[in-house]
Amino acid sequence: MNTNDQIGAGIGLLSMLLYLAIIVLAIAGMWKVFEKAGKPGWAAIVPIYNLIVLIEIVGKPTWWVVLLIIPCVNYIALIWLTNLLSKSFGKSEGFTVGLILLPFVFYPVLGFGDAEYEGPSAAEANTSIV
């Protein structure tokens, strides 16, 4: 093995470790977000079930899972759910953009930060103010 191979292997290993660290950070943040909302934290790592729990957290009906399966519609539904999640924790649309673009930063901020779950934001949106 020559020097270039060793450098390439080192860069590959470092990249893999960085990637795993980012994934663990995002999962830990989502785990804490679920716990803050009164749901089991382990639900964050179970595929499809984590979406069902997310839908419950924001207060939308469970049939919304169907929207997350339909191509093209799923992007809109996921962005909408992410916005409702940030609103459920009292955050703004700017925080929603952060959750979408940098989830490995903003989910830990939401989960480990001082944000408190204020209840499902979708339920509040359905009530009219008189």
N, C-alpha and C. Protein backbone atom coordinates (compact mmCIF):
# COMPACT_ATOMS: atom_id res chain seq x y z
N MET A 1 0.86 -1.18 0.00
CA MET A 1 0.00 0.00 0.00
C MET A 1 0.90 1.23 0.00
N ASN A 2 0.70 2.10 -0.97
CA ASN A 2 1.54 3.29 -1.03
C ASN A 2 0.91 4.44 -0.25
N THR A 3 1.59 5.55 -0.23
CA THR A 3 1.17 6.71 0.57
C THR A 3 -0.18 7.27 0.11
N ASN A 4 -0.40 7.32 -1.21
CA ASN A 4 -1.67 7.85 -1.72
C ASN A 4 -2.84 6.97 -1.30
N ASP A 5 -2.64 5.67 -1.27
CA ASP A 5 -3.69 4.76 -0.82
C ASP A 5 -4.00 4.97 0.65
N GLN A 6 -2.97 5.18 1.45
CA GLN A 6 -3.16 5.41 2.88
C GLN A 6 -3.90 6.72 3.13
N ILE A 7 -3.56 7.74 2.39
CA ILE A 7 -4.24 9.04 2.53
C ILE A 7 -5.70 8.90 2.13
N GLY A 8 -5.95 8.20 1.03
CA GLY A 8 -7.33 7.98 0.57
C GLY A 8 -8.14 7.19 1.59
N ALA A 9 -7.53 6.17 2.16
CA ALA A 9 -8.21 5.37 3.17
C ALA A 9 -8.51 6.21 4.42
N GLY A 10 -7.57 7.06 4.80
CA GLY A 10 -7.78 7.93 5.96
C GLY A 10 -8.90 8.93 5.73
N ILE A 11 -8.93 9.51 4.55
CA ILE A 11 -10.00 10.47 4.21
C ILE A 11 -11.35 9.75 4.19
N GLY A 12 -11.38 8.54 3.63
CA GLY A 12 -12.62 7.76 3.59
C GLY A 12 -13.11 7.43 4.98
N LEU A 13 -12.21 7.02 5.86
CA LEU A 13 -12.58 6.69 7.24
C LEU A 13 -13.07 7.92 7.98
N LEU A 14 -12.39 9.03 7.81
CA LEU A 14 -12.79 10.27 8.46
C LEU A 14 -14.17 10.73 7.96
N SER A 15 -14.40 10.60 6.65
CA SER A 15 -15.70 10.97 6.08
C SER A 15 -16.82 10.10 6.64
N MET A 16 -16.55 8.80 6.76
CA MET A 16 -17.55 7.89 7.30
C MET A 16 -17.86 8.21 8.76
N LEU A 17 -16.86 8.51 9.55
CA LEU A 17 -17.07 8.85 10.95
C LEU A 17 -17.85 10.17 11.10
N LEU A 18 -17.54 11.14 10.25
CA LEU A 18 -18.27 12.40 10.27
C LEU A 18 -19.73 12.18 9.89
N TYR A 19 -19.98 11.38 8.87
CA TYR A 19 -21.33 11.06 8.43
C TYR A 19 -22.11 10.37 9.55
N LEU A 20 -21.50 9.40 10.21
CA LEU A 20 -22.17 8.71 11.32
C LEU A 20 -22.45 9.65 12.49
N ALA A 21 -21.53 10.57 12.77
CA ALA A 21 -21.74 11.53 13.85
C ALA A 21 -22.93 12.45 13.53
N ILE A 22 -23.05 12.87 12.28
CA ILE A 22 -24.18 13.72 11.89
C ILE A 22 -25.49 12.96 12.02
N ILE A 23 -25.51 11.70 11.61
CA ILE A 23 -26.73 10.89 11.72
C ILE A 23 -27.11 10.70 13.19
N VAL A 24 -26.15 10.37 14.03
CA VAL A 24 -26.42 10.17 15.46
C VAL A 24 -26.94 11.46 16.08
N LEU A 25 -26.36 12.59 15.72
CA LEU A 25 -26.81 13.88 16.25
C LEU A 25 -28.25 14.18 15.84
N ALA A 26 -28.60 13.94 14.59
CA ALA A 26 -29.96 14.18 14.11
C ALA A 26 -30.95 13.25 14.80
N ILE A 27 -30.59 11.98 14.95
CA ILE A 27 -31.48 11.02 15.62
C ILE A 27 -31.66 11.37 17.08
N ALA A 28 -30.60 11.76 17.76
CA ALA A 28 -30.70 12.14 19.17
C ALA A 28 -31.59 13.36 19.33
N GLY A 29 -31.46 14.32 18.43
CA GLY A 29 -32.32 15.51 18.49
C GLY A 29 -33.77 15.17 18.27
N MET A 30 -34.05 14.32 17.27
CA MET A 30 -35.44 13.94 17.02
C MET A 30 -36.00 13.11 18.18
N TRP A 31 -35.16 12.28 18.78
CA TRP A 31 -35.56 11.47 19.94
C TRP A 31 -36.04 12.39 21.06
N LYS A 32 -35.25 13.44 21.35
CA LYS A 32 -35.62 14.38 22.41
C LYS A 32 -36.86 15.18 22.05
N VAL A 33 -37.04 15.52 20.78
CA VAL A 33 -38.24 16.24 20.34
C VAL A 33 -39.46 15.38 20.61
N PHE A 34 -39.40 14.10 20.28
CA PHE A 34 -40.52 13.19 20.53
C PHE A 34 -40.81 13.09 22.02
N GLU A 35 -39.75 12.99 22.84
CA GLU A 35 -39.96 12.90 24.29
C GLU A 35 -40.58 14.17 24.85
N LYS A 36 -40.15 15.34 24.36
CA LYS A 36 -40.72 16.59 24.82
C LYS A 36 -42.22 16.67 24.50
N ALA A 37 -42.61 16.04 23.40
CA ALA A 37 -44.01 16.07 22.98
C ALA A 37 -44.82 14.96 23.66
N GLY A 38 -44.21 14.22 24.58
CA GLY A 38 -44.92 13.20 25.32
C GLY A 38 -45.03 11.87 24.59
N LYS A 39 -44.23 11.67 23.59
CA LYS A 39 -44.23 10.42 22.82
C LYS A 39 -42.95 9.65 23.15
N PRO A 40 -42.93 8.34 22.88
CA PRO A 40 -41.70 7.58 23.16
C PRO A 40 -40.56 8.01 22.23
N GLY A 41 -39.40 8.21 22.79
CA GLY A 41 -38.25 8.64 22.01
C GLY A 41 -37.80 7.63 20.98
N TRP A 42 -37.93 6.35 21.31
CA TRP A 42 -37.50 5.30 20.39
C TRP A 42 -38.29 5.33 19.09
N ALA A 43 -39.46 5.94 19.10
CA ALA A 43 -40.30 6.01 17.89
C ALA A 43 -39.59 6.80 16.79
N ALA A 44 -38.64 7.63 17.14
CA ALA A 44 -37.92 8.43 16.15
C ALA A 44 -37.05 7.59 15.23
N ILE A 45 -36.70 6.37 15.64
CA ILE A 45 -35.82 5.55 14.82
C ILE A 45 -36.55 4.43 14.08
N VAL A 46 -37.86 4.34 14.23
CA VAL A 46 -38.63 3.29 13.56
C VAL A 46 -39.24 3.87 12.28
N PRO A 47 -38.83 3.37 11.13
CA PRO A 47 -39.36 3.91 9.87
C PRO A 47 -40.88 3.79 9.80
N ILE A 48 -41.50 4.72 9.19
CA ILE A 48 -42.95 4.87 8.98
C ILE A 48 -43.66 5.18 10.29
N TYR A 49 -43.37 4.42 11.37
CA TYR A 49 -43.99 4.73 12.66
C TYR A 49 -43.58 6.12 13.13
N ASN A 50 -42.34 6.54 12.84
CA ASN A 50 -41.92 7.88 13.26
C ASN A 50 -42.74 8.96 12.56
N LEU A 51 -43.16 8.69 11.34
CA LEU A 51 -44.02 9.65 10.63
C LEU A 51 -45.41 9.69 11.24
N ILE A 52 -45.92 8.52 11.65
CA ILE A 52 -47.23 8.47 12.31
C ILE A 52 -47.19 9.26 13.61
N VAL A 53 -46.13 9.07 14.39
CA VAL A 53 -45.99 9.80 15.65
C VAL A 53 -45.83 11.30 15.39
N LEU A 54 -45.08 11.67 14.37
CA LEU A 54 -44.92 13.08 14.01
C LEU A 54 -46.28 13.69 13.65
N ILE A 55 -47.07 12.96 12.91
CA ILE A 55 -48.42 13.43 12.54
C ILE A 55 -49.27 13.62 13.79
N GLU A 56 -49.16 12.72 14.76
CA GLU A 56 -49.89 12.86 16.03
C GLU A 56 -49.40 14.08 16.80
N ILE A 57 -48.10 14.32 16.81
CA ILE A 57 -47.53 15.44 17.56
C ILE A 57 -48.07 16.77 17.04
N VAL A 58 -48.19 16.90 15.72
CA VAL A 58 -48.65 18.17 15.15
C VAL A 58 -50.16 18.27 15.08
N GLY A 59 -50.87 17.17 15.34
CA GLY A 59 -52.32 17.22 15.42
C GLY A 59 -53.07 16.99 14.12
N LYS A 60 -52.43 16.40 13.15
CA LYS A 60 -53.12 16.07 11.90
C LYS A 60 -53.66 14.64 12.00
N PRO A 61 -54.68 14.31 11.19
CA PRO A 61 -55.22 12.95 11.22
C PRO A 61 -54.22 11.93 10.68
N THR A 62 -54.33 10.70 11.14
CA THR A 62 -53.37 9.66 10.79
C THR A 62 -53.37 9.33 9.30
N TRP A 63 -54.46 9.57 8.60
CA TRP A 63 -54.50 9.26 7.17
C TRP A 63 -53.50 10.11 6.38
N TRP A 64 -52.90 11.11 7.00
CA TRP A 64 -51.88 11.92 6.34
C TRP A 64 -50.67 11.08 5.94
N VAL A 65 -50.53 9.89 6.52
CA VAL A 65 -49.45 9.00 6.11
C VAL A 65 -49.57 8.71 4.62
N VAL A 66 -50.80 8.63 4.13
CA VAL A 66 -51.03 8.39 2.70
C VAL A 66 -50.41 9.51 1.87
N LEU A 67 -50.53 10.74 2.34
CA LEU A 67 -49.94 11.87 1.62
C LEU A 67 -48.42 11.75 1.53
N LEU A 68 -47.83 11.12 2.53
CA LEU A 68 -46.38 10.96 2.54
C LEU A 68 -45.90 9.83 1.64
N ILE A 69 -46.83 9.06 1.09
CA ILE A 69 -46.48 7.97 0.19
C ILE A 69 -46.61 8.39 -1.27
N ILE A 70 -47.47 9.36 -1.56
CA ILE A 70 -47.74 9.79 -2.92
C ILE A 70 -46.57 10.64 -3.44
N PRO A 71 -45.98 10.24 -4.58
CA PRO A 71 -44.86 11.02 -5.13
C PRO A 71 -45.26 12.47 -5.41
N CYS A 72 -44.35 13.37 -5.20
CA CYS A 72 -44.50 14.83 -5.36
C CYS A 72 -45.33 15.45 -4.25
N VAL A 73 -46.44 14.82 -3.89
CA VAL A 73 -47.27 15.32 -2.79
C VAL A 73 -46.51 15.17 -1.47
N ASN A 74 -45.69 14.11 -1.38
CA ASN A 74 -44.98 13.85 -0.13
C ASN A 74 -44.04 14.99 0.26
N TYR A 75 -43.44 15.66 -0.71
CA TYR A 75 -42.56 16.79 -0.39
C TYR A 75 -43.34 17.93 0.26
N ILE A 76 -44.47 18.24 -0.31
CA ILE A 76 -45.31 19.31 0.23
C ILE A 76 -45.82 18.94 1.62
N ALA A 77 -46.30 17.70 1.77
CA ALA A 77 -46.81 17.25 3.06
C ALA A 77 -45.73 17.26 4.13
N LEU A 78 -44.52 16.84 3.78
CA LEU A 78 -43.43 16.81 4.76
C LEU A 78 -43.00 18.21 5.16
N ILE A 79 -42.97 19.13 4.20
CA ILE A 79 -42.65 20.53 4.54
C ILE A 79 -43.74 21.10 5.43
N TRP A 80 -44.99 20.79 5.14
CA TRP A 80 -46.10 21.28 5.96
C TRP A 80 -46.01 20.70 7.38
N LEU A 81 -45.73 19.40 7.48
CA LEU A 81 -45.59 18.78 8.80
C LEU A 81 -44.42 19.38 9.58
N THR A 82 -43.33 19.66 8.89
CA THR A 82 -42.18 20.27 9.55
C THR A 82 -42.52 21.66 10.07
N ASN A 83 -43.28 22.42 9.28
CA ASN A 83 -43.71 23.74 9.73
C ASN A 83 -44.63 23.62 10.94
N LEU A 84 -45.55 22.68 10.92
CA LEU A 84 -46.45 22.48 12.06
C LEU A 84 -45.68 22.02 13.29
N LEU A 85 -44.61 21.24 13.09
CA LEU A 85 -43.78 20.81 14.21
C LEU A 85 -43.10 22.01 14.86
N SER A 86 -42.52 22.88 14.05
CA SER A 86 -41.86 24.05 14.62
C SER A 86 -42.88 24.96 15.31
N LYS A 87 -44.07 25.08 14.76
CA LYS A 87 -45.12 25.89 15.39
C LYS A 87 -45.59 25.25 16.70
N SER A 88 -45.60 23.92 16.76
CA SER A 88 -45.99 23.21 17.98
C SER A 88 -45.02 23.47 19.12
N PHE A 89 -43.81 23.88 18.78
CA PHE A 89 -42.81 24.21 19.79
C PHE A 89 -42.61 25.72 19.89
N GLY A 90 -43.52 26.50 19.30
CA GLY A 90 -43.46 27.95 19.42
C GLY A 90 -42.41 28.62 18.54
N LYS A 91 -41.97 27.95 17.51
CA LYS A 91 -40.94 28.51 16.63
C LYS A 91 -41.58 29.08 15.37
N SER A 92 -40.81 29.83 14.60
CA SER A 92 -41.31 30.52 13.41
C SER A 92 -41.01 29.73 12.14
N GLU A 93 -41.40 30.33 11.01
CA GLU A 93 -41.13 29.72 9.72
C GLU A 93 -39.64 29.66 9.41
N GLY A 94 -38.88 30.59 9.94
CA GLY A 94 -37.43 30.57 9.78
C GLY A 94 -36.83 29.31 10.39
N PHE A 95 -37.37 28.90 11.52
CA PHE A 95 -36.90 27.66 12.16
C PHE A 95 -37.29 26.46 11.31
N THR A 96 -38.45 26.54 10.65
CA THR A 96 -38.87 25.47 9.74
C THR A 96 -37.86 25.30 8.62
N VAL A 97 -37.40 26.41 8.05
CA VAL A 97 -36.40 26.35 6.99
C VAL A 97 -35.13 25.68 7.52
N GLY A 98 -34.74 26.00 8.74
CA GLY A 98 -33.58 25.36 9.34
C GLY A 98 -33.78 23.87 9.54
N LEU A 99 -34.97 23.46 9.98
CA LEU A 99 -35.26 22.03 10.16
C LEU A 99 -35.18 21.28 8.83
N ILE A 100 -35.57 21.95 7.75
CA ILE A 100 -35.55 21.30 6.44
C ILE A 100 -34.14 21.24 5.87
N LEU A 101 -33.41 22.35 5.94
CA LEU A 101 -32.09 22.42 5.30
C LEU A 101 -30.96 21.86 6.16
N LEU A 102 -31.03 22.04 7.46
CA LEU A 102 -29.98 21.57 8.37
C LEU A 102 -30.59 20.80 9.54
N PRO A 103 -31.22 19.65 9.27
CA PRO A 103 -31.88 18.91 10.35
C PRO A 103 -30.93 18.45 11.45
N PHE A 104 -29.67 18.17 11.10
CA PHE A 104 -28.70 17.70 12.09
C PHE A 104 -28.29 18.81 13.05
N VAL A 105 -28.64 20.06 12.75
CA VAL A 105 -28.38 21.18 13.65
C VAL A 105 -29.67 21.56 14.39
N PHE A 106 -30.76 21.70 13.64
CA PHE A 106 -31.98 22.27 14.22
C PHE A 106 -32.80 21.28 15.05
N TYR A 107 -32.78 19.98 14.72
CA TYR A 107 -33.48 19.02 15.59
C TYR A 107 -32.83 18.95 16.97
N PRO A 108 -31.49 18.89 17.08
CA PRO A 108 -30.89 18.94 18.42
C PRO A 108 -31.18 20.27 19.14
N VAL A 109 -31.22 21.38 18.41
CA VAL A 109 -31.55 22.66 19.04
C VAL A 109 -32.97 22.60 19.60
N LEU A 110 -33.88 22.03 18.83
CA LEU A 110 -35.27 21.91 19.27
C LEU A 110 -35.40 20.92 20.42
N GLY A 111 -34.69 19.80 20.33
CA GLY A 111 -34.80 18.76 21.35
C GLY A 111 -34.06 19.06 22.63
N PHE A 112 -32.85 19.58 22.53
CA PHE A 112 -32.03 19.81 23.72
C PHE A 112 -32.10 21.26 24.20
N GLY A 113 -32.70 22.14 23.41
CA GLY A 113 -32.80 23.54 23.78
C GLY A 113 -33.94 23.80 24.76
N ASP A 114 -34.26 25.07 24.92
CA ASP A 114 -35.28 25.46 25.89
C ASP A 114 -36.70 25.51 25.31
N ALA A 115 -36.88 25.09 24.07
CA ALA A 115 -38.21 25.09 23.46
C ALA A 115 -39.10 24.08 24.17
N GLU A 116 -40.34 24.48 24.42
CA GLU A 116 -41.29 23.60 25.08
C GLU A 116 -42.43 23.28 24.14
N TYR A 117 -42.93 22.06 24.25
CA TYR A 117 -44.05 21.63 23.42
C TYR A 117 -45.30 22.35 23.89
N GLU A 118 -45.93 23.07 22.98
CA GLU A 118 -47.11 23.86 23.31
C GLU A 118 -48.41 23.18 22.89
N GLY A 119 -48.32 21.97 22.39
CA GLY A 119 -49.49 21.25 21.92
C GLY A 119 -49.53 21.24 20.41
N PRO A 120 -50.41 20.42 19.86
CA PRO A 120 -50.46 20.31 18.40
C PRO A 120 -50.91 21.60 17.75
N SER A 121 -50.09 22.12 16.86
CA SER A 121 -50.39 23.41 16.22
C SER A 121 -51.50 23.27 15.20
N ALA A 122 -51.69 22.09 14.61
CA ALA A 122 -52.75 21.91 13.62
C ALA A 122 -54.12 22.01 14.29
N ALA A 123 -54.22 21.57 15.53
CA ALA A 123 -55.50 21.67 16.24
C ALA A 123 -55.85 23.12 16.51
N GLU A 124 -54.83 23.93 16.81
CA GLU A 124 -55.06 25.36 17.06
C GLU A 124 -55.47 26.08 15.78
N ALA A 125 -54.93 25.64 14.66
CA ALA A 125 -55.24 26.29 13.38
C ALA A 125 -56.68 26.03 12.97
N ASN A 126 -57.29 24.95 13.49
CA ASN A 126 -58.66 24.62 13.13
C ASN A 126 -59.68 25.39 13.95
N THR A 127 -59.26 26.03 15.02
CA THR A 127 -60.18 26.81 15.83
C THR A 127 -60.21 28.25 15.30
N SER A 128 -61.39 28.80 15.29
CA SER A 128 -61.50 30.18 14.78
C SER A 128 -61.51 31.15 15.95
N ILE A 129 -60.91 32.31 15.72
CA ILE A 129 -60.86 33.37 16.74
C ILE A 129 -62.01 34.32 16.46
N VAL A 130 -62.83 34.51 17.46
CA VAL A 130 -63.99 35.41 17.29
C VAL A 130 -63.78 36.67 18.07
